[in-house]
Amino acid sequence: MRVLVTGRDRERGDVLAAELGTRFLPSDLTGSPGELRAFAAAATDALDGHVDVLVHNAALCPPVDTPSLSDADLEATLAVNIRAPHVLTAALAPAMAERGGGEIVVVGSWMAHIGHAFVGLYSATKAAEIQLARSWSAEFGPRGVRVNTVSPGATRTPINAADDEVLTAMTAGTPAGRPGTPDEIAAAITWVLSDAAGHLHGAEIAVDGGITSTARR
């Protein structure tokens, strides 16, 4: 199996690629549709002519209320969270279908299912992406391409390390009683991509410690 590391930060990407024994291919998901299609073609070439797995993991989440959202953040969030997944799926899924197999996973969010005074745009884009995954499953599933969603809850990552108290308070009343970890989300995605999940189509799996199913209203 070959894995391609991609992103905007070449330094971090090169380090991770070296750890995995693979290569790094730079990308910018805020780019134009043409640039995204060029990236898809380059990724296909880098993976010996075929992409078998596509995980839509990147997202922007401006932490502001609606009046405070800048035009630049609005455009960038729509580009990364909706336009890029749509363009990349359109560019890569047909070849998967022609080969009769492939896997696409959308990383959703628990916030797609609740109303929140902040991060409203992020929540809306994640709801849209989850719906796109259902539609892609209906479109490409009959030709062997499985499309599913894994939706994390509040997850402790290096990016939100400064907000640890907020994450702890947010998850204290959940069944898990704590934030999730990136490894737990990755483990769920790995299972969804495995043969053990071969009958899973168009599903959304909440790996959120129970925050959506038991949320207090």
N, C-alpha and C. Protein backbone atom coordinates (compact mmCIF):
# COMPACT_ATOMS: atom_id res chain seq x y z
N MET A 1 0.83 -1.19 0.00
CA MET A 1 0.00 0.00 0.00
C MET A 1 0.88 1.25 0.00
N ARG A 2 0.53 2.21 -0.85
CA ARG A 2 1.26 3.47 -0.90
C ARG A 2 0.38 4.59 -0.36
N VAL A 3 0.97 5.44 0.46
CA VAL A 3 0.25 6.57 1.06
C VAL A 3 0.92 7.86 0.59
N LEU A 4 0.12 8.81 0.20
CA LEU A 4 0.63 10.10 -0.22
C LEU A 4 0.29 11.14 0.84
N VAL A 5 1.29 11.84 1.33
CA VAL A 5 1.10 12.91 2.31
C VAL A 5 0.93 14.22 1.56
N THR A 6 -0.08 15.00 1.94
CA THR A 6 -0.31 16.26 1.25
C THR A 6 -0.73 17.34 2.23
N GLY A 7 -0.56 18.58 1.83
CA GLY A 7 -0.90 19.73 2.67
C GLY A 7 -0.15 20.96 2.20
N ARG A 8 -0.32 22.06 2.94
CA ARG A 8 0.32 23.32 2.55
C ARG A 8 1.70 23.50 3.17
N ASP A 9 1.95 22.81 4.30
CA ASP A 9 3.20 23.00 5.04
C ASP A 9 4.22 21.96 4.58
N ARG A 10 5.11 22.39 3.70
CA ARG A 10 6.08 21.44 3.15
C ARG A 10 7.00 20.88 4.21
N GLU A 11 7.42 21.71 5.17
CA GLU A 11 8.35 21.24 6.20
C GLU A 11 7.72 20.11 7.01
N ARG A 12 6.51 20.33 7.51
CA ARG A 12 5.83 19.28 8.27
C ARG A 12 5.53 18.08 7.40
N GLY A 13 5.14 18.35 6.16
CA GLY A 13 4.82 17.25 5.25
C GLY A 13 6.02 16.38 4.95
N ASP A 14 7.17 17.00 4.74
CA ASP A 14 8.38 16.22 4.47
C ASP A 14 8.77 15.36 5.66
N VAL A 15 8.60 15.91 6.87
CA VAL A 15 8.93 15.14 8.08
C VAL A 15 8.02 13.92 8.19
N LEU A 16 6.72 14.12 8.02
CA LEU A 16 5.79 13.01 8.13
C LEU A 16 6.02 11.99 7.02
N ALA A 17 6.26 12.46 5.81
CA ALA A 17 6.51 11.55 4.70
C ALA A 17 7.74 10.69 4.97
N ALA A 18 8.77 11.31 5.56
CA ALA A 18 9.98 10.56 5.88
C ALA A 18 9.68 9.48 6.92
N GLU A 19 8.85 9.81 7.90
CA GLU A 19 8.49 8.83 8.94
C GLU A 19 7.73 7.65 8.34
N LEU A 20 6.88 7.93 7.34
CA LEU A 20 6.06 6.89 6.73
C LEU A 20 6.75 6.19 5.57
N GLY A 21 7.90 6.72 5.15
CA GLY A 21 8.60 6.14 4.02
C GLY A 21 7.88 6.36 2.71
N THR A 22 7.25 7.52 2.58
CA THR A 22 6.52 7.83 1.36
C THR A 22 6.94 9.21 0.87
N ARG A 23 6.11 9.87 0.10
CA ARG A 23 6.47 11.18 -0.42
C ARG A 23 5.42 12.21 -0.08
N PHE A 24 5.80 13.48 -0.15
CA PHE A 24 4.91 14.59 0.14
C PHE A 24 4.60 15.32 -1.16
N LEU A 25 3.32 15.63 -1.36
CA LEU A 25 2.88 16.39 -2.53
C LEU A 25 2.11 17.61 -2.02
N PRO A 26 2.63 18.81 -2.26
CA PRO A 26 1.96 20.01 -1.74
C PRO A 26 0.61 20.24 -2.39
N SER A 27 -0.31 20.81 -1.61
CA SER A 27 -1.63 21.14 -2.13
C SER A 27 -2.17 22.34 -1.38
N ASP A 28 -3.09 23.05 -2.00
CA ASP A 28 -3.78 24.17 -1.37
C ASP A 28 -5.26 24.03 -1.68
N LEU A 29 -6.04 23.64 -0.69
CA LEU A 29 -7.46 23.37 -0.92
C LEU A 29 -8.28 24.63 -1.11
N THR A 30 -7.68 25.80 -0.92
CA THR A 30 -8.38 27.03 -1.24
C THR A 30 -8.19 27.41 -2.71
N GLY A 31 -7.46 26.60 -3.44
CA GLY A 31 -7.18 26.88 -4.85
C GLY A 31 -8.43 26.78 -5.72
N SER A 32 -8.28 27.18 -6.95
CA SER A 32 -9.38 27.14 -7.91
C SER A 32 -9.73 25.69 -8.26
N PRO A 33 -10.92 25.46 -8.82
CA PRO A 33 -11.25 24.10 -9.25
C PRO A 33 -10.21 23.53 -10.22
N GLY A 34 -9.68 24.36 -11.10
CA GLY A 34 -8.66 23.88 -12.02
C GLY A 34 -7.40 23.45 -11.30
N GLU A 35 -7.01 24.20 -10.29
CA GLU A 35 -5.82 23.83 -9.51
C GLU A 35 -6.06 22.55 -8.73
N LEU A 36 -7.27 22.38 -8.22
CA LEU A 36 -7.60 21.16 -7.49
C LEU A 36 -7.58 19.94 -8.41
N ARG A 37 -8.10 20.11 -9.62
CA ARG A 37 -8.07 19.00 -10.58
C ARG A 37 -6.64 18.68 -10.99
N ALA A 38 -5.79 19.69 -11.09
CA ALA A 38 -4.38 19.44 -11.40
C ALA A 38 -3.71 18.68 -10.27
N PHE A 39 -4.06 19.02 -9.02
CA PHE A 39 -3.53 18.28 -7.88
C PHE A 39 -4.00 16.83 -7.92
N ALA A 40 -5.27 16.61 -8.22
CA ALA A 40 -5.79 15.24 -8.30
C ALA A 40 -5.04 14.43 -9.34
N ALA A 41 -4.73 15.05 -10.47
CA ALA A 41 -3.98 14.35 -11.52
C ALA A 41 -2.57 14.05 -11.05
N ALA A 42 -1.92 14.99 -10.36
CA ALA A 42 -0.57 14.77 -9.85
C ALA A 42 -0.55 13.68 -8.80
N ALA A 43 -1.57 13.66 -7.93
CA ALA A 43 -1.66 12.62 -6.90
C ALA A 43 -1.85 11.26 -7.54
N THR A 44 -2.67 11.19 -8.59
CA THR A 44 -2.88 9.93 -9.29
C THR A 44 -1.57 9.42 -9.89
N ASP A 45 -0.82 10.30 -10.50
CA ASP A 45 0.48 9.92 -11.07
C ASP A 45 1.43 9.44 -9.98
N ALA A 46 1.42 10.13 -8.83
CA ALA A 46 2.32 9.77 -7.73
C ALA A 46 1.97 8.42 -7.13
N LEU A 47 0.72 7.98 -7.30
CA LEU A 47 0.27 6.71 -6.74
C LEU A 47 0.13 5.65 -7.83
N ASP A 48 1.06 5.68 -8.76
CA ASP A 48 1.13 4.66 -9.81
C ASP A 48 -0.12 4.60 -10.68
N GLY A 49 -0.77 5.75 -10.86
CA GLY A 49 -1.85 5.82 -11.81
C GLY A 49 -3.23 5.56 -11.28
N HIS A 50 -3.36 5.29 -9.97
CA HIS A 50 -4.72 5.09 -9.44
C HIS A 50 -4.78 5.43 -7.96
N VAL A 51 -5.87 6.11 -7.58
CA VAL A 51 -6.15 6.44 -6.18
C VAL A 51 -7.27 5.52 -5.72
N ASP A 52 -7.01 4.74 -4.70
CA ASP A 52 -8.01 3.78 -4.20
C ASP A 52 -8.77 4.29 -2.99
N VAL A 53 -8.15 5.22 -2.24
CA VAL A 53 -8.76 5.73 -1.00
C VAL A 53 -8.65 7.25 -0.99
N LEU A 54 -9.74 7.91 -0.67
CA LEU A 54 -9.77 9.36 -0.54
C LEU A 54 -10.44 9.70 0.78
N VAL A 55 -9.71 10.39 1.66
CA VAL A 55 -10.26 10.81 2.96
C VAL A 55 -10.30 12.33 2.98
N HIS A 56 -11.51 12.88 3.10
CA HIS A 56 -11.68 14.32 3.19
C HIS A 56 -11.57 14.74 4.65
N ASN A 57 -10.38 15.16 5.04
CA ASN A 57 -10.10 15.42 6.45
C ASN A 57 -9.89 16.90 6.76
N ALA A 58 -9.43 17.67 5.78
CA ALA A 58 -9.11 19.08 6.03
C ALA A 58 -10.38 19.91 6.23
N ALA A 59 -10.28 20.91 7.10
CA ALA A 59 -11.41 21.82 7.33
C ALA A 59 -10.93 23.10 7.98
N LEU A 60 -11.66 24.16 7.74
CA LEU A 60 -11.43 25.43 8.43
C LEU A 60 -12.62 25.68 9.35
N CYS A 61 -12.34 26.27 10.52
CA CYS A 61 -13.39 26.53 11.51
C CYS A 61 -13.16 27.89 12.15
N PRO A 62 -13.59 28.97 11.50
CA PRO A 62 -13.43 30.29 12.11
C PRO A 62 -14.24 30.39 13.40
N PRO A 63 -13.61 30.63 14.56
CA PRO A 63 -14.31 30.60 15.85
C PRO A 63 -14.98 31.93 16.18
N VAL A 64 -15.95 32.32 15.37
CA VAL A 64 -16.61 33.61 15.57
C VAL A 64 -18.11 33.47 15.35
N ASP A 65 -18.85 34.50 15.79
CA ASP A 65 -20.28 34.51 15.52
C ASP A 65 -20.52 35.04 14.10
N THR A 66 -21.77 35.02 13.68
CA THR A 66 -22.10 35.37 12.30
C THR A 66 -21.69 36.80 11.91
N PRO A 67 -22.02 37.82 12.71
CA PRO A 67 -21.64 39.18 12.30
C PRO A 67 -20.12 39.40 12.25
N SER A 68 -19.37 38.60 13.02
CA SER A 68 -17.92 38.80 13.08
C SER A 68 -17.15 38.06 12.00
N LEU A 69 -17.83 37.21 11.25
CA LEU A 69 -17.14 36.41 10.23
C LEU A 69 -16.70 37.31 9.09
N SER A 70 -15.40 37.30 8.79
CA SER A 70 -14.88 38.14 7.71
C SER A 70 -15.20 37.51 6.36
N ASP A 71 -15.21 38.35 5.32
CA ASP A 71 -15.44 37.84 3.97
C ASP A 71 -14.37 36.84 3.58
N ALA A 72 -13.13 37.10 3.99
CA ALA A 72 -12.03 36.20 3.64
C ALA A 72 -12.23 34.83 4.27
N ASP A 73 -12.64 34.81 5.56
CA ASP A 73 -12.88 33.52 6.23
C ASP A 73 -14.08 32.81 5.65
N LEU A 74 -15.09 33.57 5.26
CA LEU A 74 -16.26 32.97 4.63
C LEU A 74 -15.86 32.24 3.35
N GLU A 75 -15.12 32.91 2.49
CA GLU A 75 -14.72 32.31 1.22
C GLU A 75 -13.79 31.11 1.42
N ALA A 76 -12.83 31.25 2.32
CA ALA A 76 -11.87 30.17 2.54
C ALA A 76 -12.55 28.93 3.13
N THR A 77 -13.48 29.14 4.07
CA THR A 77 -14.16 28.01 4.69
C THR A 77 -15.04 27.27 3.70
N LEU A 78 -15.76 28.00 2.88
CA LEU A 78 -16.57 27.35 1.84
C LEU A 78 -15.68 26.60 0.85
N ALA A 79 -14.53 27.19 0.53
CA ALA A 79 -13.62 26.56 -0.43
C ALA A 79 -13.06 25.25 0.11
N VAL A 80 -12.54 25.27 1.32
CA VAL A 80 -11.88 24.09 1.88
C VAL A 80 -12.89 23.02 2.29
N ASN A 81 -14.00 23.43 2.92
CA ASN A 81 -14.92 22.47 3.53
C ASN A 81 -15.93 21.89 2.56
N ILE A 82 -16.22 22.60 1.46
CA ILE A 82 -17.24 22.11 0.52
C ILE A 82 -16.70 22.00 -0.90
N ARG A 83 -16.13 23.10 -1.42
CA ARG A 83 -15.71 23.07 -2.83
C ARG A 83 -14.62 22.05 -3.08
N ALA A 84 -13.58 22.02 -2.24
CA ALA A 84 -12.47 21.10 -2.47
C ALA A 84 -12.92 19.64 -2.42
N PRO A 85 -13.68 19.21 -1.39
CA PRO A 85 -14.14 17.82 -1.41
C PRO A 85 -14.98 17.48 -2.64
N HIS A 86 -15.81 18.43 -3.06
CA HIS A 86 -16.66 18.17 -4.23
C HIS A 86 -15.82 18.01 -5.49
N VAL A 87 -14.89 18.94 -5.70
CA VAL A 87 -14.06 18.89 -6.91
C VAL A 87 -13.17 17.66 -6.92
N LEU A 88 -12.57 17.34 -5.77
CA LEU A 88 -11.67 16.19 -5.72
C LEU A 88 -12.42 14.87 -5.89
N THR A 89 -13.62 14.79 -5.31
CA THR A 89 -14.42 13.58 -5.51
C THR A 89 -14.82 13.44 -6.98
N ALA A 90 -15.22 14.56 -7.58
CA ALA A 90 -15.59 14.53 -9.01
C ALA A 90 -14.41 14.13 -9.88
N ALA A 91 -13.21 14.49 -9.44
CA ALA A 91 -12.02 14.18 -10.24
C ALA A 91 -11.54 12.75 -10.05
N LEU A 92 -11.76 12.17 -8.86
CA LEU A 92 -11.15 10.88 -8.54
C LEU A 92 -12.13 9.71 -8.48
N ALA A 93 -13.38 9.96 -8.09
CA ALA A 93 -14.33 8.85 -7.92
C ALA A 93 -14.67 8.13 -9.23
N PRO A 94 -14.81 8.83 -10.37
CA PRO A 94 -15.15 8.09 -11.59
C PRO A 94 -14.14 7.00 -11.95
N ALA A 95 -12.86 7.25 -11.75
CA ALA A 95 -11.86 6.22 -12.05
C ALA A 95 -11.99 5.05 -11.09
N MET A 96 -12.32 5.34 -9.82
CA MET A 96 -12.58 4.25 -8.87
C MET A 96 -13.74 3.39 -9.37
N ALA A 97 -14.80 4.07 -9.81
CA ALA A 97 -15.99 3.34 -10.29
C ALA A 97 -15.66 2.51 -11.53
N GLU A 98 -14.83 3.03 -12.41
CA GLU A 98 -14.45 2.28 -13.60
C GLU A 98 -13.69 1.02 -13.24
N ARG A 99 -12.88 1.09 -12.17
CA ARG A 99 -12.13 -0.09 -11.71
C ARG A 99 -13.00 -1.01 -10.87
N GLY A 100 -14.19 -0.55 -10.49
CA GLY A 100 -15.10 -1.37 -9.71
C GLY A 100 -14.84 -1.38 -8.23
N GLY A 101 -14.09 -0.40 -7.73
CA GLY A 101 -13.83 -0.37 -6.29
C GLY A 101 -13.08 0.87 -5.86
N GLY A 102 -13.32 1.26 -4.62
CA GLY A 102 -12.65 2.42 -4.04
C GLY A 102 -13.34 2.81 -2.76
N GLU A 103 -12.69 3.64 -1.98
CA GLU A 103 -13.23 4.05 -0.69
C GLU A 103 -13.09 5.57 -0.54
N ILE A 104 -14.16 6.20 -0.10
CA ILE A 104 -14.13 7.62 0.22
C ILE A 104 -14.70 7.80 1.63
N VAL A 105 -13.98 8.53 2.45
CA VAL A 105 -14.45 8.83 3.80
C VAL A 105 -14.48 10.34 3.99
N VAL A 106 -15.60 10.84 4.40
CA VAL A 106 -15.75 12.24 4.80
C VAL A 106 -15.60 12.33 6.32
N VAL A 107 -14.76 13.23 6.77
CA VAL A 107 -14.68 13.49 8.21
C VAL A 107 -15.67 14.60 8.52
N GLY A 108 -16.76 14.24 9.17
CA GLY A 108 -17.81 15.20 9.50
C GLY A 108 -17.56 15.86 10.83
N SER A 109 -18.60 16.09 11.57
CA SER A 109 -18.47 16.71 12.89
C SER A 109 -19.79 16.57 13.65
N TRP A 110 -19.69 16.41 14.96
CA TRP A 110 -20.89 16.40 15.79
C TRP A 110 -21.63 17.73 15.69
N MET A 111 -20.90 18.80 15.36
CA MET A 111 -21.52 20.12 15.32
C MET A 111 -22.44 20.30 14.12
N ALA A 112 -22.43 19.36 13.20
CA ALA A 112 -23.37 19.40 12.08
C ALA A 112 -24.80 19.12 12.54
N HIS A 113 -24.95 18.64 13.77
CA HIS A 113 -26.26 18.18 14.24
C HIS A 113 -26.84 19.05 15.35
N ILE A 114 -26.18 20.13 15.69
CA ILE A 114 -26.68 21.00 16.75
C ILE A 114 -26.62 22.45 16.29
N GLY A 115 -27.37 23.30 16.98
CA GLY A 115 -27.25 24.73 16.75
C GLY A 115 -26.29 25.31 17.78
N HIS A 116 -25.44 26.23 17.36
CA HIS A 116 -24.44 26.79 18.26
C HIS A 116 -24.30 28.27 17.95
N ALA A 117 -24.12 29.07 18.98
CA ALA A 117 -24.02 30.52 18.79
C ALA A 117 -22.76 30.93 18.04
N PHE A 118 -21.75 30.09 18.08
CA PHE A 118 -20.51 30.34 17.34
C PHE A 118 -20.31 29.23 16.30
N VAL A 119 -19.32 29.39 15.47
CA VAL A 119 -18.94 28.43 14.42
C VAL A 119 -20.13 27.92 13.60
N GLY A 120 -21.11 28.80 13.37
CA GLY A 120 -22.27 28.40 12.59
C GLY A 120 -21.93 28.00 11.17
N LEU A 121 -21.02 28.73 10.54
CA LEU A 121 -20.66 28.40 9.16
C LEU A 121 -19.97 27.04 9.11
N TYR A 122 -19.06 26.78 10.03
CA TYR A 122 -18.40 25.48 10.07
C TYR A 122 -19.41 24.36 10.20
N SER A 123 -20.36 24.51 11.13
CA SER A 123 -21.38 23.49 11.33
C SER A 123 -22.18 23.25 10.06
N ALA A 124 -22.53 24.34 9.37
CA ALA A 124 -23.31 24.22 8.15
C ALA A 124 -22.52 23.52 7.05
N THR A 125 -21.23 23.83 6.93
CA THR A 125 -20.44 23.17 5.89
C THR A 125 -20.27 21.69 6.18
N LYS A 126 -20.15 21.34 7.45
CA LYS A 126 -20.03 19.92 7.79
C LYS A 126 -21.33 19.17 7.51
N ALA A 127 -22.47 19.82 7.78
CA ALA A 127 -23.76 19.21 7.44
C ALA A 127 -23.86 19.00 5.93
N ALA A 128 -23.39 19.99 5.16
CA ALA A 128 -23.42 19.87 3.71
C ALA A 128 -22.51 18.73 3.24
N GLU A 129 -21.34 18.61 3.84
CA GLU A 129 -20.40 17.57 3.43
C GLU A 129 -20.94 16.18 3.75
N ILE A 130 -21.61 16.06 4.90
CA ILE A 130 -22.22 14.77 5.26
C ILE A 130 -23.30 14.39 4.25
N GLN A 131 -24.08 15.38 3.82
CA GLN A 131 -25.10 15.11 2.81
C GLN A 131 -24.47 14.76 1.46
N LEU A 132 -23.38 15.43 1.12
CA LEU A 132 -22.67 15.07 -0.11
C LEU A 132 -22.22 13.61 -0.06
N ALA A 133 -21.74 13.17 1.10
CA ALA A 133 -21.30 11.77 1.22
C ALA A 133 -22.45 10.81 0.97
N ARG A 134 -23.64 11.13 1.47
CA ARG A 134 -24.80 10.28 1.21
C ARG A 134 -25.11 10.24 -0.30
N SER A 135 -25.04 11.41 -0.91
CA SER A 135 -25.33 11.48 -2.35
C SER A 135 -24.28 10.75 -3.16
N TRP A 136 -23.00 10.90 -2.77
CA TRP A 136 -21.94 10.18 -3.47
C TRP A 136 -22.10 8.68 -3.32
N SER A 137 -22.58 8.25 -2.15
CA SER A 137 -22.81 6.82 -1.95
C SER A 137 -23.87 6.32 -2.92
N ALA A 138 -24.94 7.09 -3.08
CA ALA A 138 -26.00 6.70 -4.02
C ALA A 138 -25.50 6.72 -5.46
N GLU A 139 -24.60 7.65 -5.76
CA GLU A 139 -24.12 7.82 -7.13
C GLU A 139 -23.06 6.80 -7.51
N PHE A 140 -22.09 6.58 -6.63
CA PHE A 140 -20.95 5.74 -6.97
C PHE A 140 -20.99 4.35 -6.32
N GLY A 141 -21.82 4.18 -5.29
CA GLY A 141 -21.89 2.90 -4.60
C GLY A 141 -22.25 1.72 -5.49
N PRO A 142 -23.24 1.88 -6.39
CA PRO A 142 -23.60 0.76 -7.27
C PRO A 142 -22.46 0.30 -8.17
N ARG A 143 -21.42 1.13 -8.29
CA ARG A 143 -20.27 0.74 -9.11
C ARG A 143 -19.05 0.41 -8.26
N GLY A 144 -19.30 0.09 -6.98
CA GLY A 144 -18.24 -0.46 -6.14
C GLY A 144 -17.50 0.52 -5.26
N VAL A 145 -17.89 1.78 -5.26
CA VAL A 145 -17.19 2.77 -4.44
C VAL A 145 -17.98 3.00 -3.15
N ARG A 146 -17.37 2.67 -2.04
CA ARG A 146 -18.04 2.89 -0.75
C ARG A 146 -17.73 4.29 -0.24
N VAL A 147 -18.78 5.02 0.14
CA VAL A 147 -18.63 6.37 0.68
C VAL A 147 -19.33 6.44 2.03
N ASN A 148 -18.59 6.83 3.05
CA ASN A 148 -19.14 6.91 4.40
C ASN A 148 -18.56 8.13 5.13
N THR A 149 -19.15 8.44 6.27
CA THR A 149 -18.72 9.57 7.08
C THR A 149 -18.35 9.11 8.48
N VAL A 150 -17.26 9.64 8.99
CA VAL A 150 -16.90 9.49 10.40
C VAL A 150 -16.94 10.87 11.02
N SER A 151 -17.79 11.04 12.03
CA SER A 151 -17.98 12.36 12.64
C SER A 151 -17.43 12.39 14.05
N PRO A 152 -16.30 13.07 14.26
CA PRO A 152 -15.73 13.19 15.60
C PRO A 152 -16.57 14.13 16.47
N GLY A 153 -16.39 13.97 17.78
CA GLY A 153 -16.92 14.93 18.73
C GLY A 153 -15.81 15.90 19.11
N ALA A 154 -15.90 16.45 20.31
CA ALA A 154 -14.83 17.32 20.80
C ALA A 154 -13.57 16.48 20.96
N THR A 155 -12.54 16.83 20.22
CA THR A 155 -11.32 16.02 20.16
C THR A 155 -10.11 16.86 20.55
N ARG A 156 -9.30 16.33 21.42
CA ARG A 156 -8.09 17.04 21.87
C ARG A 156 -6.98 16.85 20.85
N THR A 157 -6.53 17.96 20.27
CA THR A 157 -5.46 17.93 19.26
C THR A 157 -4.43 19.00 19.60
N PRO A 158 -3.27 18.97 18.96
CA PRO A 158 -2.28 20.04 19.19
C PRO A 158 -2.82 21.43 18.85
N ILE A 159 -3.75 21.51 17.91
CA ILE A 159 -4.28 22.79 17.49
C ILE A 159 -5.10 23.45 18.59
N ASN A 160 -5.85 22.66 19.36
CA ASN A 160 -6.69 23.24 20.41
C ASN A 160 -6.16 23.00 21.81
N ALA A 161 -4.85 22.77 21.92
CA ALA A 161 -4.26 22.48 23.23
C ALA A 161 -4.52 23.60 24.23
N ALA A 162 -4.58 24.84 23.77
CA ALA A 162 -4.81 25.97 24.67
C ALA A 162 -6.23 26.00 25.20
N ASP A 163 -7.13 25.24 24.59
CA ASP A 163 -8.54 25.22 25.00
C ASP A 163 -8.89 23.97 25.80
N ASP A 164 -7.92 23.40 26.47
CA ASP A 164 -8.15 22.13 27.16
C ASP A 164 -9.26 22.22 28.20
N GLU A 165 -9.32 23.32 28.94
CA GLU A 165 -10.36 23.47 29.95
C GLU A 165 -11.75 23.50 29.32
N VAL A 166 -11.86 24.15 28.17
CA VAL A 166 -13.14 24.20 27.46
C VAL A 166 -13.54 22.81 27.00
N LEU A 167 -12.60 22.06 26.43
CA LEU A 167 -12.89 20.70 25.97
C LEU A 167 -13.29 19.80 27.13
N THR A 168 -12.61 19.94 28.23
CA THR A 168 -12.91 19.12 29.41
C THR A 168 -14.31 19.41 29.91
N ALA A 169 -14.67 20.69 30.00
CA ALA A 169 -16.00 21.05 30.47
C ALA A 169 -17.08 20.61 29.48
N MET A 170 -16.79 20.73 28.19
CA MET A 170 -17.75 20.38 27.14
C MET A 170 -18.10 18.89 27.17
N THR A 171 -17.14 18.06 27.54
CA THR A 171 -17.35 16.61 27.48
C THR A 171 -17.58 15.97 28.85
N ALA A 172 -17.58 16.76 29.89
CA ALA A 172 -17.70 16.19 31.24
C ALA A 172 -19.01 15.43 31.43
N GLY A 173 -20.08 15.90 30.82
CA GLY A 173 -21.37 15.25 31.00
C GLY A 173 -21.71 14.21 29.96
N THR A 174 -20.77 13.86 29.10
CA THR A 174 -21.02 12.84 28.08
C THR A 174 -20.76 11.45 28.63
N PRO A 175 -21.26 10.40 27.98
CA PRO A 175 -20.97 9.05 28.44
C PRO A 175 -19.48 8.76 28.56
N ALA A 176 -18.67 9.25 27.61
CA ALA A 176 -17.23 9.02 27.68
C ALA A 176 -16.58 9.85 28.78
N GLY A 177 -17.13 11.03 29.03
CA GLY A 177 -16.62 11.87 30.10
C GLY A 177 -15.30 12.55 29.81
N ARG A 178 -14.90 12.58 28.55
CA ARG A 178 -13.61 13.18 28.18
C ARG A 178 -13.60 13.47 26.69
N PRO A 179 -12.68 14.33 26.23
CA PRO A 179 -12.54 14.53 24.79
C PRO A 179 -11.98 13.28 24.11
N GLY A 180 -12.19 13.21 22.83
CA GLY A 180 -11.59 12.13 22.05
C GLY A 180 -10.15 12.44 21.71
N THR A 181 -9.51 11.49 21.05
CA THR A 181 -8.12 11.66 20.61
C THR A 181 -8.04 11.42 19.11
N PRO A 182 -7.05 12.01 18.45
CA PRO A 182 -6.89 11.76 17.02
C PRO A 182 -6.74 10.27 16.70
N ASP A 183 -6.06 9.52 17.55
CA ASP A 183 -5.88 8.09 17.30
C ASP A 183 -7.22 7.35 17.28
N GLU A 184 -8.15 7.79 18.14
CA GLU A 184 -9.46 7.13 18.17
C GLU A 184 -10.24 7.41 16.89
N ILE A 185 -10.12 8.63 16.38
CA ILE A 185 -10.79 8.95 15.11
C ILE A 185 -10.14 8.18 13.97
N ALA A 186 -8.81 8.14 13.97
CA ALA A 186 -8.09 7.41 12.92
C ALA A 186 -8.44 5.93 12.93
N ALA A 187 -8.61 5.37 14.13
CA ALA A 187 -8.96 3.94 14.23
C ALA A 187 -10.32 3.68 13.61
N ALA A 188 -11.26 4.59 13.81
CA ALA A 188 -12.59 4.42 13.22
C ALA A 188 -12.52 4.52 11.71
N ILE A 189 -11.75 5.47 11.21
CA ILE A 189 -11.60 5.60 9.75
C ILE A 189 -10.95 4.36 9.16
N THR A 190 -9.94 3.84 9.85
CA THR A 190 -9.27 2.63 9.39
C THR A 190 -10.25 1.47 9.28
N TRP A 191 -11.13 1.34 10.27
CA TRP A 191 -12.13 0.27 10.22
C TRP A 191 -13.09 0.48 9.06
N VAL A 192 -13.57 1.70 8.88
CA VAL A 192 -14.50 2.00 7.78
C VAL A 192 -13.88 1.65 6.44
N LEU A 193 -12.58 1.84 6.31
CA LEU A 193 -11.89 1.55 5.06
C LEU A 193 -11.58 0.06 4.88
N SER A 194 -11.74 -0.72 5.93
CA SER A 194 -11.33 -2.12 5.89
C SER A 194 -12.40 -3.01 5.27
N ASP A 195 -12.00 -4.23 4.94
CA ASP A 195 -12.94 -5.20 4.39
C ASP A 195 -14.01 -5.57 5.41
N ALA A 196 -13.71 -5.41 6.70
CA ALA A 196 -14.69 -5.74 7.75
C ALA A 196 -15.92 -4.85 7.65
N ALA A 197 -15.78 -3.67 7.02
CA ALA A 197 -16.90 -2.75 6.86
C ALA A 197 -17.43 -2.77 5.43
N GLY A 198 -17.25 -3.89 4.76
CA GLY A 198 -17.59 -3.97 3.34
C GLY A 198 -19.04 -3.73 3.00
N HIS A 199 -19.95 -3.89 3.97
CA HIS A 199 -21.37 -3.67 3.70
C HIS A 199 -21.83 -2.30 4.18
N LEU A 200 -20.89 -1.44 4.54
CA LEU A 200 -21.22 -0.11 5.04
C LEU A 200 -21.22 0.88 3.88
N HIS A 201 -22.38 1.45 3.61
CA HIS A 201 -22.53 2.40 2.50
C HIS A 201 -23.38 3.58 2.98
N GLY A 202 -22.91 4.79 2.73
CA GLY A 202 -23.71 5.97 3.03
C GLY A 202 -23.98 6.20 4.49
N ALA A 203 -23.17 5.64 5.36
CA ALA A 203 -23.41 5.73 6.80
C ALA A 203 -22.64 6.90 7.42
N GLU A 204 -23.13 7.36 8.54
CA GLU A 204 -22.39 8.31 9.36
C GLU A 204 -22.14 7.67 10.72
N ILE A 205 -20.88 7.52 11.07
CA ILE A 205 -20.51 6.93 12.35
C ILE A 205 -20.05 8.05 13.28
N ALA A 206 -20.74 8.21 14.40
CA ALA A 206 -20.40 9.24 15.37
C ALA A 206 -19.37 8.69 16.36
N VAL A 207 -18.15 9.19 16.25
CA VAL A 207 -17.08 8.81 17.19
C VAL A 207 -16.88 10.02 18.10
N ASP A 208 -17.88 10.24 18.95
CA ASP A 208 -17.97 11.51 19.67
C ASP A 208 -18.18 11.36 21.17
N GLY A 209 -17.93 10.16 21.69
CA GLY A 209 -18.11 9.95 23.13
C GLY A 209 -19.55 10.04 23.58
N GLY A 210 -20.48 10.02 22.64
CA GLY A 210 -21.89 10.08 22.98
C GLY A 210 -22.46 11.48 23.07
N ILE A 211 -21.70 12.49 22.64
CA ILE A 211 -22.12 13.87 22.84
C ILE A 211 -23.39 14.21 22.05
N THR A 212 -23.56 13.65 20.85
CA THR A 212 -24.76 13.98 20.08
C THR A 212 -25.96 13.15 20.51
N SER A 213 -25.73 11.88 20.84
CA SER A 213 -26.87 11.02 21.18
C SER A 213 -27.43 11.27 22.56
N THR A 214 -26.66 11.90 23.44
CA THR A 214 -27.12 12.12 24.81
C THR A 214 -27.07 13.58 25.22
N ALA A 215 -26.95 14.49 24.24
CA ALA A 215 -26.82 15.91 24.56
C ALA A 215 -28.02 16.40 25.34
N ARG A 216 -27.76 17.18 26.39
CA ARG A 216 -28.83 17.75 27.20
C ARG A 216 -29.40 18.97 26.48
N ARG A 217 -30.70 19.02 26.37
CA ARG A 217 -31.36 20.13 25.69
C ARG A 217 -31.84 21.16 26.71
